[in-house]
Amino acid sequence: MPYDPQVKERIEGLFDVLIDKCVSFVKSKCQEYEKVPEPSFALSLLRVLKSLLKENVTEEQYRKIDELLLKIDALFVFSLMWTVGGAVDENGRKIFD
């Protein structure tokens, strides 16, 4: 995917708003299967997000920045749920959802 400053800003903004709050919530309110170091959540989220973007964003979609940003939002939340939410037990997943 070609570099676009709006894409970078959107992903950074999503991280700024969501990752710390979600990780703090998991660490304080949920039971993890195994304790995961906090930086590992961000790294795992980035890996999943990168893979999803490669598989789900075409060159044509990239030219439509508004649609692309909405897709990034959706893929980010999906990645967040699978990485941060995926580390907790069944009861924790119900709470996290």
Protein backbone atom coordinates (compact mmCIF):
# COMPACT_ATOMS: atom_id res chain seq x y z
CA MET A 1 0.00 0.00 0.00
CA PRO A 2 1.47 3.37 -0.95
CA TYR A 3 2.25 5.82 1.83
CA ASP A 4 -0.37 8.45 2.59
CA PRO A 5 -0.05 10.87 5.53
CA GLN A 6 -3.80 10.61 6.22
CA VAL A 7 -3.51 6.86 6.65
CA LYS A 8 -0.59 7.25 9.04
CA GLU A 9 -2.46 9.90 11.04
CA ARG A 10 -5.59 7.73 11.22
CA ILE A 11 -3.71 4.67 12.48
CA GLU A 12 -1.74 6.75 15.00
CA GLY A 13 -4.97 8.36 16.19
CA LEU A 14 -6.64 4.99 16.66
CA PHE A 15 -3.66 3.79 18.69
CA ASP A 16 -3.69 6.96 20.78
CA VAL A 17 -7.38 6.65 21.58
CA LEU A 18 -7.85 2.90 21.95
CA ILE A 19 -4.83 0.76 22.72
CA ASP A 20 -3.89 2.06 26.18
CA LYS A 21 -7.51 2.11 27.36
CA CYS A 22 -8.17 -1.41 26.11
CA VAL A 23 -4.94 -2.84 27.53
CA SER A 24 -5.58 -1.15 30.88
CA PHE A 25 -9.11 -2.56 30.91
CA VAL A 26 -7.88 -6.07 30.18
CA LYS A 27 -5.14 -5.86 32.80
CA SER A 28 -7.49 -4.57 35.52
CA LYS A 29 -10.87 -6.17 34.79
CA CYS A 30 -10.17 -9.44 32.96
CA GLN A 31 -8.32 -12.67 33.52
CA GLU A 32 -5.63 -13.38 30.92
CA TYR A 33 -4.78 -16.93 29.91
CA GLU A 34 -1.14 -15.92 30.24
CA LYS A 35 0.21 -12.57 31.29
CA VAL A 36 1.09 -10.60 28.17
CA PRO A 37 3.55 -7.69 28.41
CA GLU A 38 1.75 -4.48 27.49
CA PRO A 39 4.02 -3.60 24.52
CA SER A 40 3.30 -7.01 23.01
CA PHE A 41 -0.34 -6.07 22.50
CA ALA A 42 0.59 -3.11 20.29
CA LEU A 43 3.09 -5.13 18.30
CA SER A 44 0.62 -7.97 17.74
CA LEU A 45 -2.08 -5.51 16.74
CA LEU A 46 0.22 -3.93 14.17
CA ARG A 47 1.10 -7.32 12.69
CA VAL A 48 -2.54 -8.34 12.34
CA LEU A 49 -3.54 -4.94 10.97
CA LYS A 50 -0.74 -4.95 8.41
CA SER A 51 -1.73 -8.39 7.20
CA LEU A 52 -5.40 -7.43 6.94
CA LEU A 53 -4.60 -4.23 5.06
CA LYS A 54 -2.48 -6.15 2.54
CA GLU A 55 -5.26 -8.66 1.96
CA ASN A 56 -8.23 -6.32 1.99
CA VAL A 57 -7.23 -3.01 0.41
CA THR A 58 -6.91 -2.75 -3.35
CA GLU A 59 -5.18 -0.01 -5.33
CA GLU A 60 -8.61 1.23 -6.46
CA GLN A 61 -9.83 1.50 -2.86
CA TYR A 62 -6.67 3.34 -1.93
CA ARG A 63 -7.60 6.16 -4.32
CA LYS A 64 -10.85 6.74 -2.42
CA ILE A 65 -9.38 8.08 0.82
CA ASP A 66 -12.68 8.44 2.72
CA GLU A 67 -13.61 4.83 2.05
CA LEU A 68 -10.08 3.72 2.87
CA LEU A 69 -10.12 5.48 6.24
CA LEU A 70 -13.41 3.79 7.15
CA LYS A 71 -11.96 0.43 6.19
CA ILE A 72 -8.89 1.14 8.31
CA ASP A 73 -11.15 1.92 11.27
CA ALA A 74 -12.96 -1.40 10.88
CA LEU A 75 -9.78 -3.43 10.39
CA PHE A 76 -8.15 -1.71 13.36
CA VAL A 77 -11.05 -2.58 15.66
CA PHE A 78 -11.08 -6.16 14.35
CA SER A 79 -7.32 -6.41 15.00
CA LEU A 80 -7.74 -4.93 18.46
CA MET A 81 -10.42 -7.45 19.39
CA TRP A 82 -8.33 -10.39 18.18
CA THR A 83 -5.10 -9.29 19.84
CA VAL A 84 -6.09 -7.59 23.08
CA GLY A 85 -9.43 -9.35 23.51
CA GLY A 86 -7.97 -12.66 22.45
CA ALA A 87 -5.64 -12.76 25.44
CA VAL A 88 -8.40 -13.06 28.02
CA ASP A 89 -10.53 -15.98 29.19
CA GLU A 90 -14.17 -16.52 28.17
CA ASN A 91 -15.62 -14.35 30.95
CA GLY A 92 -13.12 -11.62 30.14
CA ARG A 93 -14.19 -11.69 26.49
CA LYS A 94 -17.79 -11.10 27.46
CA ILE A 95 -16.71 -8.13 29.57
CA PHE A 96 -14.32 -6.82 26.92
CA ASP A 97 -16.91 -6.99 24.15
